[in-house]
Amino acid sequence: MKTMSAAALAAALSIASPAHAHHGVAPHYDTSKPVTIEGVVARFEFVNPHSFLYVDTTDAAGTKQTWSCEMASRTVLTRNGLSVDSFKPGEPIKIDGVAARHNPTGCAFRVAYFRDGRVLKSTELFAPTRATEADAPADPTSIVGIWAMKRFSVSTYEGQLTEAGERARKAFDPVKDDPAIYCDPASPVRFWVNVNEPFEIRRDGDDVLILHRFMDAKRVVHFDGRPAPANVPRSTMGYTTGHFDGKALVASTDHFVAATLEPRAPGVMHTENLKLKERLEVNRETGDLEITWTIDDPAYFKSPVTQKELYVRSPWDPAPYDCKPGYR
């Protein structure tokens, strides 16, 4: 798996930060154009998949404008100590950000300076989840429980796509095609790679449920071994069957619609013939959940691509994701 670490990614994108983890920053914001906004808080839209801070300003000529500055998801901000009351209407504030490409009064939030001297940086809103904050399980080797990503990485898929795969990638328009805009979790691959947004694995009779706070998405791993029934439509998440190998969950997913595999790569697509193999197991030495998956889609990938990520036990976020569709 060719990946960039969070540090390497930040360096590569200059002042781009993981605060725009749901979509790539470049299509929406010009990182070469920093902006500084001074005014008063108009309102704070504390929502998923992205929160927005609105600031009323008045320039030297007396012209009034309202700027909107995009922040991370409500879920991520909540887990890092922010609330709907973190920005109070009427409060004086100064914002450093990055200019939006498609909105003359839009920005990507970077730093907020409050009247009382407090400073809030976007780079401080992605502290890693610590396993010590989660409840200790009765069986530490079981995959059952609540988990969140231990690290944040982005696959580049460099050199791994066929000519058709590259053409599909180039046709992807992140401004209108990003599944997050439509509150769609995109794919099982995208399902796994969400910094600071937890998911729960639990048994449900003969099946396994995987419930992700991201988009309030749900996956069912069917243990009857049968393919998708005729009355089940194809979907972006596909149809999953599985079994246990010891304490490891082994799953196979197909029955997809042609869609986006990973919008942040950017725009890596897949056909309806995508087949996905996954293995979920706890490392007995570290206690980390290790998830390994293999992407097999010969039309768009030169050969099967295997990726692996690590997760730690995490507290649950009780508030629904409650995604608000549309891009502001």
C-alpha atoms as a PDB file:
ATOM      1  CA  MET A   1       0.000   0.000   0.000  1.00  0.00           C
ATOM      2  CA  LYS A   2       1.525   3.303  -1.093  1.00  0.00           C
ATOM      3  CA  THR A   3       0.487   5.828   1.497  1.00  0.00           C
ATOM      4  CA  MET A   4       1.430   9.227   2.808  1.00  0.00           C
ATOM      5  CA  SER A   5       1.552   9.728   6.549  1.00  0.00           C
ATOM      6  CA  ALA A   6      -0.318  12.628   8.098  1.00  0.00           C
ATOM      7  CA  ALA A   7       2.964  14.545   8.442  1.00  0.00           C
ATOM      8  CA  ALA A   8       4.031  13.879   4.865  1.00  0.00           C
ATOM      9  CA  LEU A   9       0.594  14.744   3.564  1.00  0.00           C
ATOM     10  CA  ALA A  10       0.599  18.026   5.466  1.00  0.00           C
ATOM     11  CA  ALA A  11       3.998  18.881   4.034  1.00  0.00           C
ATOM     12  CA  ALA A  12       2.900  18.018   0.529  1.00  0.00           C
ATOM     13  CA  LEU A  13      -0.202  20.190   0.779  1.00  0.00           C
ATOM     14  CA  SER A  14       1.582  23.035   2.563  1.00  0.00           C
ATOM     15  CA  ILE A  15      -1.027  24.534   4.874  1.00  0.00           C
ATOM     16  CA  ALA A  16      -3.706  22.032   3.886  1.00  0.00           C
ATOM     17  CA  SER A  17      -4.773  20.128   6.978  1.00  0.00           C
ATOM     18  CA  PRO A  18      -6.808  16.997   7.810  1.00  0.00           C
ATOM     19  CA  ALA A  19      -9.676  19.343   8.634  1.00  0.00           C
ATOM     20  CA  HIS A  20     -10.805  18.622   5.096  1.00  0.00           C
ATOM     21  CA  ALA A  21     -10.474  14.881   5.395  1.00  0.00           C
ATOM     22  CA  HIS A  22     -13.859  14.181   3.825  1.00  0.00           C
ATOM     23  CA  HIS A  23     -12.770  15.732   0.553  1.00  0.00           C
ATOM     24  CA  GLY A  24      -9.527  16.931  -1.011  1.00  0.00           C
ATOM     25  CA  VAL A  25      -8.740  20.546  -0.165  1.00  0.00           C
ATOM     26  CA  ALA A  26      -7.270  21.558  -3.542  1.00  0.00           C
ATOM     27  CA  PRO A  27     -10.491  21.549  -5.625  1.00  0.00           C
ATOM     28  CA  HIS A  28     -12.243  23.831  -3.146  1.00  0.00           C
ATOM     29  CA  TYR A  29      -9.484  26.055  -1.734  1.00  0.00           C
ATOM     30  CA  ASP A  30      -6.350  27.716  -3.107  1.00  0.00           C
ATOM     31  CA  THR A  31      -3.590  27.038  -0.593  1.00  0.00           C
ATOM     32  CA  SER A  32      -1.424  29.710  -2.244  1.00  0.00           C
ATOM     33  CA  LYS A  33      -3.919  32.408  -1.195  1.00  0.00           C
ATOM     34  CA  PRO A  34      -4.082  32.912   2.580  1.00  0.00           C
ATOM     35  CA  VAL A  35      -6.795  35.220   3.894  1.00  0.00           C
ATOM     36  CA  THR A  36      -7.339  37.017   7.183  1.00  0.00           C
ATOM     37  CA  ILE A  37     -10.868  37.953   8.247  1.00  0.00           C
ATOM     38  CA  GLU A  38     -11.750  40.241  11.142  1.00  0.00           C
ATOM     39  CA  GLY A  39     -15.281  40.812  12.322  1.00  0.00           C
ATOM     40  CA  VAL A  40     -17.906  39.308  14.594  1.00  0.00           C
ATOM     41  CA  VAL A  41     -19.360  35.823  14.683  1.00  0.00           C
ATOM     42  CA  ALA A  42     -22.642  35.687  12.780  1.00  0.00           C
ATOM     43  CA  ARG A  43     -23.385  32.030  13.468  1.00  0.00           C
ATOM     44  CA  PHE A  44     -21.732  28.631  13.851  1.00  0.00           C
ATOM     45  CA  GLU A  45     -23.226  25.832  11.771  1.00  0.00           C
ATOM     46  CA  PHE A  46     -22.176  22.802  13.833  1.00  0.00           C
ATOM     47  CA  VAL A  47     -23.046  19.973  11.422  1.00  0.00           C
ATOM     48  CA  ASN A  48     -21.704  16.965   9.508  1.00  0.00           C
ATOM     49  CA  PRO A  49     -19.969  16.338   7.179  1.00  0.00           C
ATOM     50  CA  HIS A  50     -18.428  19.812   7.658  1.00  0.00           C
ATOM     51  CA  SER A  51     -19.069  22.622  10.094  1.00  0.00           C
ATOM     52  CA  PHE A  52     -19.072  26.255   8.977  1.00  0.00           C
ATOM     53  CA  LEU A  53     -18.237  29.426  10.884  1.00  0.00           C
ATOM     54  CA  TYR A  54     -19.909  32.576   9.510  1.00  0.00           C
ATOM     55  CA  VAL A  55     -18.252  35.936  10.240  1.00  0.00           C
ATOM     56  CA  ASP A  56     -19.728  39.370   9.529  1.00  0.00           C
ATOM     57  CA  THR A  57     -17.117  41.872   8.305  1.00  0.00           C
ATOM     58  CA  THR A  58     -17.022  45.531   7.290  1.00  0.00           C
ATOM     59  CA  ASP A  59     -14.272  46.810   5.001  1.00  0.00           C
ATOM     60  CA  ALA A  60     -12.681  50.281   4.939  1.00  0.00           C
ATOM     61  CA  ALA A  61     -15.365  51.544   2.559  1.00  0.00           C
ATOM     62  CA  GLY A  62     -18.108  50.433   4.932  1.00  0.00           C
ATOM     63  CA  THR A  63     -19.186  47.489   2.785  1.00  0.00           C
ATOM     64  CA  LYS A  64     -20.593  44.630   4.835  1.00  0.00           C
ATOM     65  CA  GLN A  65     -19.978  40.985   3.949  1.00  0.00           C
ATOM     66  CA  THR A  66     -20.516  37.603   5.573  1.00  0.00           C
ATOM     67  CA  TRP A  67     -17.666  35.113   5.201  1.00  0.00           C
ATOM     68  CA  SER A  68     -18.139  31.365   5.607  1.00  0.00           C
ATOM     69  CA  CYS A  69     -15.161  29.337   6.806  1.00  0.00           C
ATOM     70  CA  GLU A  70     -15.234  25.564   6.548  1.00  0.00           C
ATOM     71  CA  MET A  71     -14.126  23.427   9.475  1.00  0.00           C
ATOM     72  CA  ALA A  72     -14.009  19.731  10.278  1.00  0.00           C
ATOM     73  CA  SER A  73     -17.093  17.609  10.886  1.00  0.00           C
ATOM     74  CA  ARG A  74     -19.166  18.146  14.004  1.00  0.00           C
ATOM     75  CA  THR A  75     -18.170  14.628  15.061  1.00  0.00           C
ATOM     76  CA  VAL A  76     -14.449  15.388  14.944  1.00  0.00           C
ATOM     77  CA  LEU A  77     -14.823  18.798  16.570  1.00  0.00           C
ATOM     78  CA  THR A  78     -16.948  17.370  19.400  1.00  0.00           C
ATOM     79  CA  ARG A  79     -14.387  14.662  20.128  1.00  0.00           C
ATOM     80  CA  ASN A  80     -11.783  17.413  20.441  1.00  0.00           C
ATOM     81  CA  GLY A  81     -13.678  19.587  22.887  1.00  0.00           C
ATOM     82  CA  LEU A  82     -15.712  21.966  20.729  1.00  0.00           C
ATOM     83  CA  SER A  83     -19.467  22.482  20.989  1.00  0.00           C
ATOM     84  CA  VAL A  84     -22.190  24.511  19.341  1.00  0.00           C
ATOM     85  CA  ASP A  85     -21.355  27.270  21.865  1.00  0.00           C
ATOM     86  CA  SER A  86     -17.653  27.468  20.978  1.00  0.00           C
ATOM     87  CA  PHE A  87     -18.333  30.487  18.757  1.00  0.00           C
ATOM     88  CA  LYS A  88     -20.891  32.914  20.167  1.00  0.00           C
ATOM     89  CA  PRO A  89     -22.888  35.249  17.867  1.00  0.00           C
ATOM     90  CA  GLY A  90     -21.710  38.843  18.209  1.00  0.00           C
ATOM     91  CA  GLU A  91     -18.284  37.831  19.540  1.00  0.00           C
ATOM     92  CA  PRO A  92     -15.328  39.690  17.945  1.00  0.00           C
ATOM     93  CA  ILE A  93     -12.984  37.286  16.150  1.00  0.00           C
ATOM     94  CA  LYS A  94     -10.104  37.116  13.698  1.00  0.00           C
ATOM     95  CA  ILE A  95      -9.701  34.150  11.348  1.00  0.00           C
ATOM     96  CA  ASP A  96      -6.685  33.060   9.337  1.00  0.00           C
ATOM     97  CA  GLY A  97      -7.656  30.786   6.478  1.00  0.00           C
ATOM     98  CA  VAL A  98      -7.248  29.778   2.847  1.00  0.00           C
ATOM     99  CA  ALA A  99      -9.298  31.389   0.075  1.00  0.00           C
ATOM    100  CA  ALA A 100     -12.097  29.390  -1.541  1.00  0.00           C
ATOM    101  CA  ARG A 101     -11.892  28.858  -5.293  1.00  0.00           C
ATOM    102  CA  HIS A 102     -15.613  29.092  -6.004  1.00  0.00           C
ATOM    103  CA  ASN A 103     -16.851  31.506  -3.332  1.00  0.00           C
ATOM    104  CA  PRO A 104     -15.360  35.036  -3.056  1.00  0.00           C
ATOM    105  CA  THR A 105     -16.287  35.180   0.650  1.00  0.00           C
ATOM    106  CA  GLY A 106     -15.394  31.590   1.542  1.00  0.00           C
ATOM    107  CA  CYS A 107     -12.369  30.147   3.299  1.00  0.00           C
ATOM    108  CA  ALA A 108     -10.933  27.026   4.836  1.00  0.00           C
ATOM    109  CA  PHE A 109     -10.482  27.591   8.574  1.00  0.00           C
ATOM    110  CA  ARG A 110      -6.924  27.516   9.900  1.00  0.00           C
ATOM    111  CA  VAL A 111      -6.643  29.648  13.085  1.00  0.00           C
ATOM    112  CA  ALA A 112      -9.129  31.592  15.217  1.00  0.00           C
ATOM    113  CA  TYR A 113      -8.067  34.434  17.525  1.00  0.00           C
ATOM    114  CA  PHE A 114     -10.578  35.288  20.257  1.00  0.00           C
ATOM    115  CA  ARG A 115     -10.946  38.585  22.124  1.00  0.00           C
ATOM    116  CA  ASP A 116      -9.902  36.994  25.434  1.00  0.00           C
ATOM    117  CA  GLY A 117      -6.560  35.857  23.978  1.00  0.00           C
ATOM    118  CA  ARG A 118      -7.492  32.267  23.196  1.00  0.00           C
ATOM    119  CA  VAL A 119      -6.152  30.790  19.961  1.00  0.00           C
ATOM    120  CA  LEU A 120      -7.698  27.781  18.230  1.00  0.00           C
ATOM    121  CA  LYS A 121      -5.742  26.023  15.480  1.00  0.00           C
ATOM    122  CA  SER A 122      -7.230  23.505  13.059  1.00  0.00           C
ATOM    123  CA  THR A 123      -4.112  21.362  13.456  1.00  0.00           C
ATOM    124  CA  GLU A 124      -5.003  20.860  17.143  1.00  0.00           C
ATOM    125  CA  LEU A 125      -8.398  19.329  16.343  1.00  0.00           C
ATOM    126  CA  PHE A 126      -7.133  15.910  15.291  1.00  0.00           C
ATOM    127  CA  ALA A 127      -5.578  14.488  18.419  1.00  0.00           C
ATOM    128  CA  PRO A 128      -5.234  10.702  18.137  1.00  0.00           C
ATOM    129  CA  THR A 129      -7.793   8.534  19.873  1.00  0.00           C
ATOM    130  CA  ARG A 130      -6.329   6.908  22.972  1.00  0.00           C
ATOM    131  CA  ALA A 131      -7.286   3.365  23.876  1.00  0.00           C
ATOM    132  CA  THR A 132      -7.173   4.273  27.590  1.00  0.00           C
ATOM    133  CA  GLU A 133     -10.273   6.406  27.086  1.00  0.00           C
ATOM    134  CA  ALA A 134     -12.315   3.358  26.071  1.00  0.00           C
ATOM    135  CA  ASP A 135     -13.907   0.723  28.272  1.00  0.00           C
ATOM    136  CA  ALA A 136     -11.713  -2.327  28.787  1.00  0.00           C
ATOM    137  CA  PRO A 137     -13.298  -5.357  27.078  1.00  0.00           C
ATOM    138  CA  ALA A 138     -13.867  -8.669  28.840  1.00  0.00           C
ATOM    139  CA  ASP A 139     -11.995 -10.382  25.990  1.00  0.00           C
ATOM    140  CA  PRO A 140      -9.213  -8.104  24.664  1.00  0.00           C
ATOM    141  CA  THR A 141      -8.651 -10.413  21.682  1.00  0.00           C
ATOM    142  CA  SER A 142     -12.219 -10.045  20.403  1.00  0.00           C
ATOM    143  CA  ILE A 143     -12.972  -7.731  17.473  1.00  0.00           C
ATOM    144  CA  VAL A 144     -16.306  -6.908  19.134  1.00  0.00           C
ATOM    145  CA  GLY A 145     -16.327  -3.367  20.495  1.00  0.00           C
ATOM    146  CA  ILE A 146     -15.877   0.267  19.483  1.00  0.00           C
ATOM    147  CA  TRP A 147     -12.857   1.324  17.438  1.00  0.00           C
ATOM    148  CA  ALA A 148     -11.330   4.388  15.758  1.00  0.00           C
ATOM    149  CA  MET A 149      -8.342   4.881  13.464  1.00  0.00           C
ATOM    150  CA  LYS A 150      -4.974   4.858  15.189  1.00  0.00           C
ATOM    151  CA  ARG A 151      -3.374   6.904  12.426  1.00  0.00           C
ATOM    152  CA  PHE A 152      -4.448   8.866   9.368  1.00  0.00           C
ATOM    153  CA  SER A 153      -3.034   7.972   5.972  1.00  0.00           C
ATOM    154  CA  VAL A 154      -4.123   8.433   2.386  1.00  0.00           C
ATOM    155  CA  SER A 155      -3.367   5.933  -0.349  1.00  0.00           C
ATOM    156  CA  THR A 156      -2.064   7.483  -3.561  1.00  0.00           C
ATOM    157  CA  TYR A 157      -2.735   4.429  -5.794  1.00  0.00           C
ATOM    158  CA  GLU A 158       0.281   5.620  -7.764  1.00  0.00           C
ATOM    159  CA  GLY A 159       0.935   3.377 -10.767  1.00  0.00           C
ATOM    160  CA  GLN A 160      -1.786   0.934  -9.727  1.00  0.00           C
ATOM    161  CA  LEU A 161      -4.595   1.981 -12.077  1.00  0.00           C
ATOM    162  CA  THR A 162      -5.212   0.808 -15.633  1.00  0.00           C
ATOM    163  CA  GLU A 163      -5.690   3.334 -18.446  1.00  0.00           C
ATOM    164  CA  ALA A 164      -9.447   2.987 -17.971  1.00  0.00           C
ATOM    165  CA  GLY A 165      -9.016   3.547 -14.237  1.00  0.00           C
ATOM    166  CA  GLU A 166      -7.001   6.700 -14.854  1.00  0.00           C
ATOM    167  CA  ARG A 167      -9.612   7.996 -17.300  1.00  0.00           C
ATOM    168  CA  ALA A 168     -12.345   7.418 -14.732  1.00  0.00           C
ATOM    169  CA  ARG A 169     -10.238   9.177 -12.121  1.00  0.00           C
ATOM    170  CA  LYS A 170      -9.723  12.232 -14.356  1.00  0.00           C
ATOM    171  CA  ALA A 171     -13.460  12.415 -15.048  1.00  0.00           C
ATOM    172  CA  PHE A 172     -14.198  12.662 -11.310  1.00  0.00           C
ATOM    173  CA  ASP A 173     -15.267  16.184 -10.350  1.00  0.00           C
ATOM    174  CA  PRO A 174     -14.654  16.646  -6.607  1.00  0.00           C
ATOM    175  CA  VAL A 175     -16.855  19.724  -6.510  1.00  0.00           C
ATOM    176  CA  LYS A 176     -19.993  17.825  -7.532  1.00  0.00           C
ATOM    177  CA  ASP A 177     -19.084  14.100  -7.476  1.00  0.00           C
ATOM    178  CA  ASP A 178     -17.785  13.637  -3.912  1.00  0.00           C
ATOM    179  CA  PRO A 179     -20.200  11.140  -2.278  1.00  0.00           C
ATOM    180  CA  ALA A 180     -19.954  12.992   1.046  1.00  0.00           C
ATOM    181  CA  ILE A 181     -21.857  15.882  -0.516  1.00  0.00           C
ATOM    182  CA  TYR A 182     -24.780  13.473  -0.862  1.00  0.00           C
ATOM    183  CA  CYS A 183     -24.241  11.849   2.564  1.00  0.00           C
ATOM    184  CA  ASP A 184     -23.109   8.574   0.973  1.00  0.00           C
ATOM    185  CA  PRO A 185     -20.280   6.664   2.735  1.00  0.00           C
ATOM    186  CA  ALA A 186     -18.889   5.940  -0.790  1.00  0.00           C
ATOM    187  CA  SER A 187     -17.474   2.419  -0.355  1.00  0.00           C
ATOM    188  CA  PRO A 188     -16.314  -0.091   2.267  1.00  0.00           C
ATOM    189  CA  VAL A 189     -12.767   1.242   1.751  1.00  0.00           C
ATOM    190  CA  ARG A 190     -13.895   4.797   2.500  1.00  0.00           C
ATOM    191  CA  PHE A 191     -15.932   3.361   5.398  1.00  0.00           C
ATOM    192  CA  TRP A 192     -12.717   2.301   7.158  1.00  0.00           C
ATOM    193  CA  VAL A 193     -10.564   5.410   6.767  1.00  0.00           C
ATOM    194  CA  ASN A 194     -12.177   8.165   8.833  1.00  0.00           C
ATOM    195  CA  VAL A 195      -9.958   9.872  11.369  1.00  0.00           C
ATOM    196  CA  ASN A 196     -11.552  10.231  14.815  1.00  0.00           C
ATOM    197  CA  GLU A 197     -14.954   8.874  13.804  1.00  0.00           C
ATOM    198  CA  PRO A 198     -15.618   5.578  15.600  1.00  0.00           C
ATOM    199  CA  PHE A 199     -17.313   2.404  14.479  1.00  0.00           C
ATOM    200  CA  GLU A 200     -18.781  -0.481  16.444  1.00  0.00           C
ATOM    201  CA  ILE A 201     -18.515  -4.195  15.662  1.00  0.00           C
ATOM    202  CA  ARG A 202     -21.095  -6.415  17.309  1.00  0.00           C
ATOM    203  CA  ARG A 203     -22.807  -9.764  16.891  1.00  0.00           C
ATOM    204  CA  ASP A 204     -26.396  -9.774  15.723  1.00  0.00           C
ATOM    205  CA  GLY A 205     -27.756 -13.305  15.909  1.00  0.00           C
ATOM    206  CA  ASP A 206     -25.931 -15.292  13.241  1.00  0.00           C
ATOM    207  CA  ASP A 207     -24.540 -12.172  11.562  1.00  0.00           C
ATOM    208  CA  VAL A 208     -22.101  -9.384  12.409  1.00  0.00           C
ATOM    209  CA  LEU A 209     -23.050  -5.713  12.340  1.00  0.00           C
ATOM    210  CA  ILE A 210     -20.540  -2.938  11.728  1.00  0.00           C
ATOM    211  CA  LEU A 211     -21.990   0.470  12.611  1.00  0.00           C
ATOM    212  CA  HIS A 212     -19.955   3.540  11.651  1.00  0.00           C
ATOM    213  CA  ARG A 213     -20.590   6.997  13.050  1.00  0.00           C
ATOM    214  CA  PHE A 214     -19.425   8.358   9.660  1.00  0.00           C
ATOM    215  CA  MET A 215     -22.644   8.970   7.706  1.00  0.00           C
ATOM    216  CA  ASP A 216     -24.412   6.705  10.260  1.00  0.00           C
ATOM    217  CA  ALA A 217     -23.401   3.930   7.854  1.00  0.00           C
ATOM    218  CA  LYS A 218     -24.195   0.286   8.521  1.00  0.00           C
ATOM    219  CA  ARG A 219     -22.746  -2.928   7.151  1.00  0.00           C
ATOM    220  CA  VAL A 220     -24.148  -6.403   7.699  1.00  0.00           C
ATOM    221  CA  VAL A 221     -21.825  -9.390   7.368  1.00  0.00           C
ATOM    222  CA  HIS A 222     -24.069 -12.319   6.451  1.00  0.00           C
ATOM    223  CA  PHE A 223     -22.936 -15.693   7.719  1.00  0.00           C
ATOM    224  CA  ASP A 224     -25.193 -17.921   5.618  1.00  0.00           C
ATOM    225  CA  GLY A 225     -22.644 -17.970   2.784  1.00  0.00           C
ATOM    226  CA  ARG A 226     -25.248 -17.267   0.127  1.00  0.00           C
ATOM    227  CA  PRO A 227     -24.835 -14.530  -2.519  1.00  0.00           C
ATOM    228  CA  ALA A 228     -27.006 -11.437  -2.531  1.00  0.00           C
ATOM    229  CA  PRO A 229     -30.698 -12.327  -2.935  1.00  0.00           C
ATOM    230  CA  ALA A 230     -32.343 -11.294  -6.207  1.00  0.00           C
ATOM    231  CA  ASN A 231     -34.447  -8.636  -4.453  1.00  0.00           C
ATOM    232  CA  VAL A 232     -31.405  -6.860  -2.934  1.00  0.00           C
ATOM    233  CA  PRO A 233     -30.304  -3.956  -5.176  1.00  0.00           C
ATOM    234  CA  ARG A 234     -26.676  -3.242  -5.929  1.00  0.00           C
ATOM    235  CA  SER A 235     -25.260  -0.420  -3.826  1.00  0.00           C
ATOM    236  CA  THR A 236     -22.136   1.597  -3.085  1.00  0.00           C
ATOM    237  CA  MET A 237     -21.484  -0.611  -0.031  1.00  0.00           C
ATOM    238  CA  GLY A 238     -22.182  -3.920  -1.778  1.00  0.00           C
ATOM    239  CA  TYR A 239     -23.296  -7.166  -0.152  1.00  0.00           C
ATOM    240  CA  THR A 240     -21.030  -8.864   2.387  1.00  0.00           C
ATOM    241  CA  THR A 241     -20.721 -12.475   3.483  1.00  0.00           C
ATOM    242  CA  GLY A 242     -18.234 -13.787   6.019  1.00  0.00           C
ATOM    243  CA  HIS A 243     -17.043 -16.305   8.563  1.00  0.00           C
ATOM    244  CA  PHE A 244     -14.720 -16.470  11.545  1.00  0.00           C
ATOM    245  CA  ASP A 245     -11.216 -17.895  11.258  1.00  0.00           C
ATOM    246  CA  GLY A 246     -10.473 -18.361  14.937  1.00  0.00           C
ATOM    247  CA  LYS A 247     -11.198 -14.879  16.287  1.00  0.00           C
ATOM    248  CA  ALA A 248     -10.533 -13.144  12.971  1.00  0.00           C
ATOM    249  CA  LEU A 249     -13.463 -12.075  10.809  1.00  0.00           C
ATOM    250  CA  VAL A 250     -12.975 -12.888   7.120  1.00  0.00           C
ATOM    251  CA  ALA A 251     -15.385 -11.120   4.756  1.00  0.00           C
ATOM    252  CA  SER A 252     -16.090 -10.959   1.023  1.00  0.00           C
ATOM    253  CA  THR A 253     -18.074  -8.169  -0.617  1.00  0.00           C
ATOM    254  CA  ASP A 254     -19.481  -7.784  -4.136  1.00  0.00           C
ATOM    255  CA  HIS A 255     -22.821  -6.722  -5.687  1.00  0.00           C
ATOM    256  CA  PHE A 256     -21.673  -3.105  -6.117  1.00  0.00           C
ATOM    257  CA  VAL A 257     -22.825  -0.304  -8.353  1.00  0.00           C
ATOM    258  CA  ALA A 258     -20.055   1.450 -10.281  1.00  0.00           C
ATOM    259  CA  ALA A 259     -19.029   4.287  -7.962  1.00  0.00           C
ATOM    260  CA  THR A 260     -16.239   6.060  -6.072  1.00  0.00           C
ATOM    261  CA  LEU A 261     -13.802   3.872  -4.156  1.00  0.00           C
ATOM    262  CA  GLU A 262     -11.921   6.708  -2.439  1.00  0.00           C
ATOM    263  CA  PRO A 263     -12.768  10.346  -3.271  1.00  0.00           C
ATOM    264  CA  ARG A 264      -9.708  11.768  -1.499  1.00  0.00           C
ATOM    265  CA  ALA A 265      -7.136   9.786  -3.505  1.00  0.00           C
ATOM    266  CA  PRO A 266      -8.439  11.809  -5.412  1.00  0.00           C
ATOM    267  CA  GLY A 267     -11.329  10.284  -7.263  1.00  0.00           C
ATOM    268  CA  VAL A 268     -10.349   6.636  -7.521  1.00  0.00           C
ATOM    269  CA  MET A 269     -13.317   4.849  -9.027  1.00  0.00           C
ATOM    270  CA  HIS A 270     -14.429   1.220  -9.318  1.00  0.00           C
ATOM    271  CA  THR A 271     -16.729  -0.759 -11.584  1.00  0.00           C
ATOM    272  CA  GLU A 272     -19.733  -2.856 -10.567  1.00  0.00           C
ATOM    273  CA  ASN A 273     -17.440  -5.903 -10.793  1.00  0.00           C
ATOM    274  CA  LEU A 274     -15.368  -4.825  -7.771  1.00  0.00           C
ATOM    275  CA  LYS A 275     -14.661  -7.641  -5.321  1.00  0.00           C
ATOM    276  CA  LEU A 276     -13.364  -6.856  -1.864  1.00  0.00           C
ATOM    277  CA  LYS A 277     -11.747  -9.240   0.626  1.00  0.00           C
ATOM    278  CA  GLU A 278     -11.328  -8.148   4.248  1.00  0.00           C
ATOM    279  CA  ARG A 279      -9.744  -9.631   7.359  1.00  0.00           C
ATOM    280  CA  LEU A 280     -10.328  -8.114  10.811  1.00  0.00           C
ATOM    281  CA  GLU A 281      -8.325  -9.349  13.795  1.00  0.00           C
ATOM    282  CA  VAL A 282      -6.869  -8.046  17.050  1.00  0.00           C
ATOM    283  CA  ASN A 283      -3.105  -8.089  17.434  1.00  0.00           C
ATOM    284  CA  ARG A 284      -2.582 -10.008  20.681  1.00  0.00           C
ATOM    285  CA  GLU A 285       0.585  -8.068  21.529  1.00  0.00           C
ATOM    286  CA  THR A 286      -0.566  -4.495  20.852  1.00  0.00           C
ATOM    287  CA  GLY A 287      -4.340  -4.807  21.279  1.00  0.00           C
ATOM    288  CA  ASP A 288      -4.799  -2.946  17.992  1.00  0.00           C
ATOM    289  CA  LEU A 289      -7.464  -4.018  15.552  1.00  0.00           C
ATOM    290  CA  GLU A 290      -5.763  -4.789  12.241  1.00  0.00           C
ATOM    291  CA  ILE A 291      -7.943  -4.594   9.141  1.00  0.00           C
ATOM    292  CA  THR A 292      -6.483  -5.801   5.855  1.00  0.00           C
ATOM    293  CA  TRP A 293      -8.429  -5.548   2.619  1.00  0.00           C
ATOM    294  CA  THR A 294      -7.750  -6.458  -0.996  1.00  0.00           C
ATOM    295  CA  ILE A 295      -9.295  -4.513  -3.879  1.00  0.00           C
ATOM    296  CA  ASP A 296      -9.855  -6.649  -6.984  1.00  0.00           C
ATOM    297  CA  ASP A 297     -11.277  -4.818 -10.000  1.00  0.00           C
ATOM    298  CA  PRO A 298      -9.354  -5.772 -13.188  1.00  0.00           C
ATOM    299  CA  ALA A 299     -11.003  -3.102 -15.344  1.00  0.00           C
ATOM    300  CA  TYR A 300      -9.602  -0.250 -13.235  1.00  0.00           C
ATOM    301  CA  PHE A 301      -6.682  -1.839 -11.335  1.00  0.00           C
ATOM    302  CA  LYS A 302      -3.629  -3.476 -12.924  1.00  0.00           C
ATOM    303  CA  SER A 303      -3.579  -6.105 -10.177  1.00  0.00           C
ATOM    304  CA  PRO A 304      -5.268  -6.655  -6.803  1.00  0.00           C
ATOM    305  CA  VAL A 305      -4.280  -3.976  -4.269  1.00  0.00           C
ATOM    306  CA  THR A 306      -3.862  -4.912  -0.597  1.00  0.00           C
ATOM    307  CA  GLN A 307      -4.077  -2.260   2.113  1.00  0.00           C
ATOM    308  CA  LYS A 308      -3.908  -2.361   5.915  1.00  0.00           C
ATOM    309  CA  GLU A 309      -4.876   0.041   8.682  1.00  0.00           C
ATOM    310  CA  LEU A 310      -4.732  -0.008  12.495  1.00  0.00           C
ATOM    311  CA  TYR A 311      -7.444   0.920  14.993  1.00  0.00           C
ATOM    312  CA  VAL A 312      -7.628   1.342  18.758  1.00  0.00           C
ATOM    313  CA  ARG A 313     -10.544   0.868  21.131  1.00  0.00           C
ATOM    314  CA  SER A 314     -12.453   4.084  21.437  1.00  0.00           C
ATOM    315  CA  PRO A 315     -15.342   5.732  23.265  1.00  0.00           C
ATOM    316  CA  TRP A 316     -18.563   5.853  21.245  1.00  0.00           C
ATOM    317  CA  ASP A 317     -19.960   9.118  19.951  1.00  0.00           C
ATOM    318  CA  PRO A 318     -23.616   8.986  21.040  1.00  0.00           C
ATOM    319  CA  ALA A 319     -24.785  11.819  18.765  1.00  0.00           C
ATOM    320  CA  PRO A 320     -25.958  10.660  15.318  1.00  0.00           C
ATOM    321  CA  TYR A 321     -23.893  11.879  12.387  1.00  0.00           C
ATOM    322  CA  ASP A 322     -27.044  13.390  10.887  1.00  0.00           C
ATOM    323  CA  CYS A 323     -25.321  14.439   7.655  1.00  0.00           C
ATOM    324  CA  LYS A 324     -26.603  17.584   5.955  1.00  0.00           C
ATOM    325  CA  PRO A 325     -26.429  17.069   2.157  1.00  0.00           C
ATOM    326  CA  GLY A 326     -25.022  19.707  -0.144  1.00  0.00           C
ATOM    327  CA  TYR A 327     -21.818  21.703  -0.273  1.00  0.00           C
ATOM    328  CA  ARG A 328     -21.875  25.254   1.078  1.00  0.00           C
END
